Amino acid sequence: MSGDLEIATYPGKALSDVVQNELFEVFDAAYDQANHAYLVASFDVLRWISIARDNGHVVGFAIGDARKVNLPRFQKPQVVAMAGICCIRDNYRRRGLFIMLSFASMAASGELNVNQPYLFCGRMAHSASYQAMARSANNTVPAANQAISPWHREMVARLAELFRVDVDPDTCRVIGKGKPVGYPRLEYHSTEEDDQLFATVDRDNGDSLLAMSWRPEAPAGWLE
């Protein structure tokens, strides 16, 4: 990664119009029909954004948050790391910037400690982002070879509250607002299993897939 890259994290609600316009440029470069209003509305739920600049120019960003909340079947509050939209300019991809920015935004609240248990979750725009999650954990839900359990449904309902969205508990489909978020300008291979998971996701409607996984390990009974 270029030594000239500068990464900083800010409260999303405090961004100036100038910075917002710079983010829109990166968003437009990463997505066809990028929905700028969706990006701005993200800060109603997710409080932080990490921005990467190269010689002062924005080359990538990630929106995220982490909260300690009550979750179904736990006696004590648990940390939930919530990933939002992340965009990287094409010539800065495949350098680890996606993960670096995402975790920087989620860690900004001070609640996230990657050495302690937490639930990682996000709304997946396409199977490439889902595959990245599935590769980094062995307990991702939903999964093509794993039935949605009553516990999973309870967790989906709780995460839907946190993200302030409607989610189908049987498919984990986040029901959109009737407008596309955008269409990723990204080449990726979609497997039959991915196609099964995303079968009900209508990008024209702004749908996505809610996915979650425990780090570093799932609690007892999670995949039973």
Foldseek 3Di string as FASTA:
>chain_A
DDPQKDKDKDFLVPDDPVVLVLVVVQQVQFFAPADSVVVSCQSVQFTMKMFIDGVRHTFKMWTWAKDFADAPPDPGTAIETETEDIGGHPVPPPPCVRVVRRVVSHCVVVPDDLVDKHKYKYWAPAVVVVVVVVVLAVQKPPWLPAAQDPRQLRRLVVVCVSSVFDADSRLQKTFAQQAANGHGPDDDDADPRRCVSCVPADRRGHITGMMMDMPPHDDPPSRD
